[in-house]
Amino acid sequence: MRPDASPGPSRPGDLITPDYLVIGHVTKDVVPGRGYVLGGTVTFSSLMAHSLGRRAAVLTRCQALPELDTHLRGIDLHRLPSDVTTTFENVYVNHRRTQRVSDVALPIPPDAVPEAWRLAPVVHLGPIAQEVPANLAEAFPRGTVIGVTPQGWLRSWDESGRVHTPAPWMNADDVLPMVDVLIFSAEDVGGDEDLVKRYCEMSRLAVVTDHVNGCTVWVSGRKEHHPAFDVEEVDPTGAGDVFATAFLLRFGETRDPNDAAQFANCAASFVVQAAGPSGMPSNDQVEERMRTGTLR
């Protein structure tokens, strides 16, 4: 699809090949006094792809939540049945945050990918709670751009539900040889620069994000830094997922990782300027800021 094209009608259950497929759990994120909001990588990533004018699809596993279709309006949705929805809550004690998970939906098996969706040119594996098996990448043919954001593989929890991060990435040796792009932050691995270097060197292409400092692209042992755009930050929620989606889509079109990094930095700069997904930019907005925006 051309960058300025608009997707056709998109309703849950459609089995038309999308431009972009993201796989992972939709989550319930508990908000004290307000119930919950729906989250997970699949939320921000699919909405970003849709806003950029691409046909986006989500493969997830959760309960039949009545608000899900509205939440992912305009997104093709294939929901595997589940008795529970993965649920996270942030608990603050003495100004220190502890994250807890109270329910975890079952994993998403490779054979759950609809046949038509296996031809998606760009696939994003976005685990949030160890729900994406390493061999799911094998469901797609050669030539597919497969990207991973490994946050959900770097998270574990104990019997009480207390979440521990970073946890050892147990399936890294299985995942990284099968995918094209790894996108993560040093914070995801507890700031361990040795781990950052190890995972980047294991990858065909890796991008390490660094919040307001932009990102660094690793290719064949070489690093190139790309500064962020200079904007006033309101809410960074979802910026990492938006960055990953914009990078994967642009890289799928150009196969130029440095151009994709600049495009993704620019897309993320819009999202941090507004609360929630309301700041999602169009493709034209991103292109305009790339031409006229100021870098940090």
Protein backbone atom coordinates (compact mmCIF):
# COMPACT_ATOMS: atom_id res chain seq x y z
CA MET A 1 0.00 0.00 0.00
CA ARG A 2 1.26 3.48 -0.86
CA PRO A 3 2.02 5.68 2.16
CA ASP A 4 -0.83 8.06 1.25
CA ALA A 5 -3.39 5.33 0.65
CA SER A 6 -6.37 4.75 2.91
CA PRO A 7 -7.38 1.28 4.05
CA GLY A 8 -10.69 -0.17 2.98
CA PRO A 9 -13.53 -1.00 5.35
CA SER A 10 -12.12 -2.88 8.30
CA ARG A 11 -14.31 -4.96 10.57
CA PRO A 12 -13.46 -7.66 13.13
CA GLY A 13 -13.31 -11.05 11.52
CA ASP A 14 -12.26 -9.86 8.05
CA LEU A 15 -9.73 -12.24 6.54
CA ILE A 16 -8.19 -9.84 4.05
CA THR A 17 -4.40 -9.74 4.02
CA PRO A 18 -3.34 -6.71 6.10
CA ASP A 19 -0.37 -4.42 5.54
CA TYR A 20 0.66 -4.89 9.14
CA LEU A 21 -0.08 -7.66 11.64
CA VAL A 22 0.69 -7.35 15.36
CA ILE A 23 0.45 -10.34 17.71
CA GLY A 24 0.14 -10.29 21.48
CA HIS A 25 -2.28 -9.98 24.37
CA VAL A 26 -4.71 -7.14 24.76
CA THR A 27 -4.44 -6.22 28.45
CA LYS A 28 -6.60 -4.76 31.15
CA ASP A 29 -4.57 -2.06 32.89
CA VAL A 30 -6.18 -1.33 36.25
CA VAL A 31 -6.72 2.34 37.06
CA PRO A 32 -7.54 2.92 40.77
CA GLY A 33 -11.02 4.33 41.16
CA ARG A 34 -11.77 4.02 37.43
CA GLY A 35 -11.78 0.30 36.72
CA TYR A 36 -9.43 -0.43 33.84
CA VAL A 37 -8.33 0.69 30.41
CA LEU A 38 -7.36 -1.61 27.57
CA GLY A 39 -3.68 -1.72 26.73
CA GLY A 40 -0.88 -3.93 25.49
CA THR A 41 1.52 -3.47 22.60
CA VAL A 42 -1.18 -4.51 20.15
CA THR A 43 -3.26 -1.45 21.09
CA PHE A 44 -0.84 1.38 20.34
CA SER A 45 0.86 -0.48 17.50
CA SER A 46 -2.28 -1.31 15.54
CA LEU A 47 -3.77 2.16 16.03
CA MET A 48 -0.50 3.71 14.84
CA ALA A 49 -0.46 1.60 11.69
CA HIS A 50 -4.09 2.53 11.03
CA SER A 51 -3.35 6.22 11.55
CA LEU A 52 -0.48 5.99 9.06
CA GLY A 53 -2.97 4.77 6.45
CA ARG A 54 -2.16 1.08 6.52
CA ARG A 55 -4.55 -1.80 6.95
CA ALA A 56 -3.78 -3.15 10.43
CA ALA A 57 -4.69 -6.47 12.00
CA VAL A 58 -4.45 -7.81 15.56
CA LEU A 59 -4.18 -11.44 16.63
CA THR A 60 -4.82 -11.65 20.36
CA ARG A 61 -6.23 -13.79 23.15
CA CYS A 62 -8.59 -12.37 25.75
CA GLN A 63 -12.15 -12.44 27.02
CA ALA A 64 -15.01 -11.28 24.81
CA LEU A 65 -14.80 -7.72 26.11
CA PRO A 66 -17.77 -5.61 24.98
CA GLU A 67 -15.61 -2.50 24.46
CA LEU A 68 -12.92 -4.23 22.41
CA ASP A 69 -14.41 -3.52 18.97
CA THR A 70 -14.76 0.17 19.79
CA HIS A 71 -11.30 0.27 21.33
CA LEU A 72 -9.78 -1.13 18.13
CA ARG A 73 -12.14 0.59 15.71
CA GLY A 74 -10.87 0.32 12.17
CA ILE A 75 -8.59 -2.62 13.00
CA ASP A 76 -9.09 -6.18 11.74
CA LEU A 77 -9.32 -8.35 14.84
CA HIS A 78 -8.98 -12.10 15.38
CA ARG A 79 -9.56 -12.91 19.04
CA LEU A 80 -8.83 -16.33 20.44
CA PRO A 81 -11.21 -17.25 23.27
CA SER A 82 -10.02 -17.00 26.85
CA ASP A 83 -11.59 -17.20 30.29
CA VAL A 84 -9.48 -14.25 31.42
CA THR A 85 -7.75 -11.17 30.05
CA THR A 86 -4.15 -10.47 31.03
CA THR A 87 -4.49 -7.84 33.76
CA PHE A 88 -1.82 -5.55 35.22
CA GLU A 89 -1.97 -3.19 38.17
CA ASN A 90 0.63 -0.71 39.38
CA VAL A 91 0.79 -0.53 43.19
CA TYR A 92 2.65 2.33 44.90
CA VAL A 93 4.07 1.84 48.39
CA ASN A 94 6.30 4.54 49.91
CA HIS A 95 6.56 6.14 46.46
CA ARG A 96 7.92 2.93 44.96
CA ARG A 97 6.05 1.20 42.17
CA THR A 98 5.34 -2.51 42.17
CA GLN A 99 3.60 -4.04 39.19
CA ARG A 100 1.30 -7.02 39.67
CA VAL A 101 -0.42 -9.32 37.23
CA SER A 102 -3.66 -10.86 38.44
CA ASP A 103 -4.68 -12.84 35.36
CA VAL A 104 -2.77 -14.12 32.36
CA ALA A 105 -4.47 -15.42 29.23
CA LEU A 106 -3.11 -18.50 27.49
CA PRO A 107 -0.36 -18.26 24.85
CA ILE A 108 -1.10 -17.66 21.17
CA PRO A 109 -0.20 -20.76 19.12
CA PRO A 110 1.36 -20.49 15.64
CA ASP A 111 -1.53 -22.33 14.00
CA ALA A 112 -3.91 -19.57 15.15
CA VAL A 113 -2.66 -17.17 12.46
CA PRO A 114 -5.36 -17.01 9.71
CA GLU A 115 -4.09 -18.14 6.33
CA ALA A 116 -4.74 -14.79 4.64
CA TRP A 117 -2.86 -12.98 7.40
CA ARG A 118 0.25 -15.11 6.90
CA LEU A 119 0.90 -13.07 3.75
CA ALA A 120 1.12 -9.77 5.63
CA PRO A 121 4.31 -8.00 4.47
CA VAL A 122 5.10 -6.72 7.98
CA VAL A 123 4.57 -8.73 11.18
CA HIS A 124 5.19 -7.44 14.69
CA LEU A 125 5.57 -9.92 17.56
CA GLY A 126 4.62 -7.90 20.63
CA PRO A 127 4.48 -10.14 23.70
CA ILE A 128 3.40 -8.59 26.99
CA ALA A 129 3.34 -11.67 29.25
CA GLN A 130 5.35 -14.50 27.67
CA GLU A 131 2.38 -15.29 25.38
CA VAL A 132 4.15 -15.40 22.00
CA PRO A 133 6.10 -18.61 21.38
CA ALA A 134 9.42 -18.35 19.58
CA ASN A 135 8.31 -20.59 16.72
CA LEU A 136 5.40 -18.33 15.81
CA ALA A 137 7.79 -16.57 13.42
CA GLU A 138 7.86 -19.79 11.39
CA ALA A 139 4.21 -19.22 10.41
CA PHE A 140 5.29 -16.59 7.85
CA PRO A 141 7.02 -17.01 4.49
CA ARG A 142 10.49 -15.82 3.60
CA GLY A 143 10.42 -12.16 2.61
CA THR A 144 8.10 -11.13 5.42
CA VAL A 145 9.58 -8.37 7.58
CA ILE A 146 9.26 -9.75 11.11
CA GLY A 147 10.00 -7.44 14.01
CA VAL A 148 9.96 -8.08 17.74
CA THR A 149 9.61 -5.89 20.81
CA PRO A 150 10.69 -8.31 23.55
CA GLN A 151 9.31 -6.59 26.65
CA GLY A 152 6.93 -9.46 27.42
CA TRP A 153 9.77 -12.00 27.19
CA LEU A 154 11.74 -9.94 29.73
CA ARG A 155 9.03 -10.10 32.37
CA SER A 156 8.35 -12.78 34.99
CA TRP A 157 6.08 -12.94 38.03
CA ASP A 158 5.88 -14.89 41.26
CA GLU A 159 2.97 -16.76 42.86
CA SER A 160 1.62 -13.53 44.35
CA GLY A 161 1.54 -11.95 40.89
CA ARG A 162 4.37 -9.52 41.57
CA VAL A 163 6.11 -8.74 38.31
CA HIS A 164 9.90 -8.89 38.10
CA THR A 165 11.79 -7.03 35.39
CA PRO A 166 14.06 -7.55 33.74
CA ALA A 167 13.82 -11.32 33.73
CA PRO A 168 16.23 -13.50 31.73
CA TRP A 169 15.21 -13.65 28.07
CA MET A 170 14.96 -17.42 27.96
CA ASN A 171 14.09 -17.82 24.27
CA ALA A 172 16.39 -15.15 22.79
CA ASP A 173 18.59 -17.77 21.12
CA ASP A 174 15.49 -19.22 19.44
CA VAL A 175 13.78 -15.95 18.51
CA LEU A 176 16.54 -13.72 17.16
CA PRO A 177 17.79 -15.97 14.33
CA MET A 178 14.24 -16.12 12.94
CA VAL A 179 13.37 -12.42 12.88
CA ASP A 180 14.55 -9.41 10.90
CA VAL A 181 14.39 -6.55 13.39
CA LEU A 182 14.80 -6.32 17.16
CA ILE A 183 13.55 -3.11 18.79
CA PHE A 184 14.06 -2.51 22.51
CA SER A 185 15.50 -0.08 25.06
CA ALA A 186 18.38 -0.41 27.49
CA GLU A 187 15.78 0.05 30.23
CA ASP A 188 14.10 -3.18 29.08
CA VAL A 189 17.22 -5.07 30.16
CA GLY A 190 17.81 -3.09 33.33
CA GLY A 191 20.40 -0.82 31.72
CA ASP A 192 22.82 -3.72 31.28
CA GLU A 193 25.02 -2.53 28.41
CA ASP A 194 26.58 -5.97 28.02
CA LEU A 195 23.13 -7.45 27.38
CA VAL A 196 22.28 -4.63 24.98
CA LYS A 197 25.45 -5.40 23.01
CA ARG A 198 24.84 -9.16 23.11
CA TYR A 199 21.27 -8.96 21.80
CA CYS A 200 22.20 -6.41 19.13
CA GLU A 201 25.07 -8.55 17.88
CA MET A 202 22.80 -11.60 17.76
CA SER A 203 20.34 -9.72 15.53
CA ARG A 204 20.35 -9.06 11.81
CA LEU A 205 19.20 -5.52 12.58
CA ALA A 206 18.62 -4.00 16.02
CA VAL A 207 17.34 -0.63 17.16
CA VAL A 208 17.93 0.56 20.73
CA THR A 209 15.60 3.37 21.76
CA ASP A 210 16.60 5.95 24.37
CA HIS A 211 13.56 8.11 25.11
CA VAL A 212 14.33 11.82 24.47
CA ASN A 213 17.77 10.92 23.13
CA GLY A 214 16.38 9.16 20.08
CA CYS A 215 17.69 5.76 19.01
CA THR A 216 20.73 3.85 17.83
CA VAL A 217 20.65 1.49 14.85
CA TRP A 218 22.93 -1.56 14.94
CA VAL A 219 23.77 -3.24 11.63
CA SER A 220 26.64 -5.72 11.20
CA GLY A 221 28.41 -4.45 14.28
CA ARG A 222 28.17 -0.79 13.24
CA LYS A 223 26.16 1.75 15.20
CA GLU A 224 24.50 4.94 14.02
CA HIS A 225 22.69 7.32 16.36
CA HIS A 226 19.57 9.25 15.35
CA PRO A 227 18.45 12.12 17.62
CA ALA A 228 14.84 12.59 18.67
CA PHE A 229 12.69 15.49 17.48
CA ASP A 230 12.52 18.44 19.85
CA VAL A 231 8.95 18.60 21.18
CA GLU A 232 7.29 19.26 24.52
CA GLU A 233 6.49 15.95 26.19
CA VAL A 234 3.07 15.48 27.81
CA ASP A 235 2.73 11.70 28.10
CA PRO A 236 5.27 9.12 26.87
CA THR A 237 2.81 6.21 27.19
CA GLY A 238 2.87 4.05 24.06
CA ALA A 239 5.74 5.91 22.42
CA GLY A 240 7.89 2.78 22.26
CA ASP A 241 5.17 0.77 20.53
CA VAL A 242 4.48 3.62 18.12
CA PHE A 243 8.19 3.88 17.33
CA ALA A 244 8.40 0.14 16.62
CA THR A 245 5.38 0.18 14.32
CA ALA A 246 6.56 3.20 12.36
CA PHE A 247 10.05 1.73 12.03
CA LEU A 248 8.81 -1.66 10.80
CA LEU A 249 6.40 -0.17 8.27
CA ARG A 250 8.97 2.23 6.86
CA PHE A 251 11.70 -0.40 6.79
CA GLY A 252 9.30 -2.77 5.02
CA GLU A 253 8.92 -0.16 2.27
CA THR A 254 12.47 1.15 1.93
CA ARG A 255 14.77 -1.50 3.48
CA ASP A 256 16.75 1.50 4.73
CA PRO A 257 17.19 1.23 8.53
CA ASN A 258 18.47 4.77 8.98
CA ASP A 259 15.58 6.31 7.07
CA ALA A 260 13.21 4.08 9.07
CA ALA A 261 14.79 5.29 12.33
CA GLN A 262 14.24 8.94 11.42
CA PHE A 263 10.65 8.23 10.41
CA ALA A 264 10.00 6.32 13.64
CA ASN A 265 11.56 9.03 15.83
CA CYS A 266 9.31 11.53 14.12
CA ALA A 267 6.15 9.44 14.53
CA ALA A 268 6.87 8.93 18.23
CA SER A 269 7.35 12.68 18.71
CA PHE A 270 3.67 13.25 17.98
CA VAL A 271 2.47 10.67 20.47
CA VAL A 272 4.39 12.09 23.44
CA GLN A 273 2.72 15.47 22.84
CA ALA A 274 -0.72 14.16 23.86
CA ALA A 275 -2.23 11.81 26.43
CA GLY A 276 -3.12 8.30 25.28
CA PRO A 277 -3.54 7.47 21.59
CA SER A 278 -5.07 10.85 20.70
CA GLY A 279 -1.76 12.10 19.29
CA MET A 280 -1.40 9.44 16.58
CA PRO A 281 -0.16 11.23 13.42
CA SER A 282 -1.03 10.66 9.80
CA ASN A 283 1.64 9.73 7.29
CA ASP A 284 1.51 13.27 5.84
CA GLN A 285 2.06 14.81 9.29
CA VAL A 286 5.12 12.66 9.86
CA GLU A 287 6.57 13.47 6.45
CA GLU A 288 6.02 17.20 7.01
CA ARG A 289 7.74 17.19 10.41
CA MET A 290 10.65 15.20 8.99
CA ARG A 291 11.16 18.05 6.50
CA THR A 292 10.61 20.97 8.86
CA GLY A 293 11.02 19.71 12.45
CA THR A 294 13.91 20.44 14.79
CA LEU A 295 16.11 17.70 16.21
CA ARG A 296 17.39 17.70 19.78
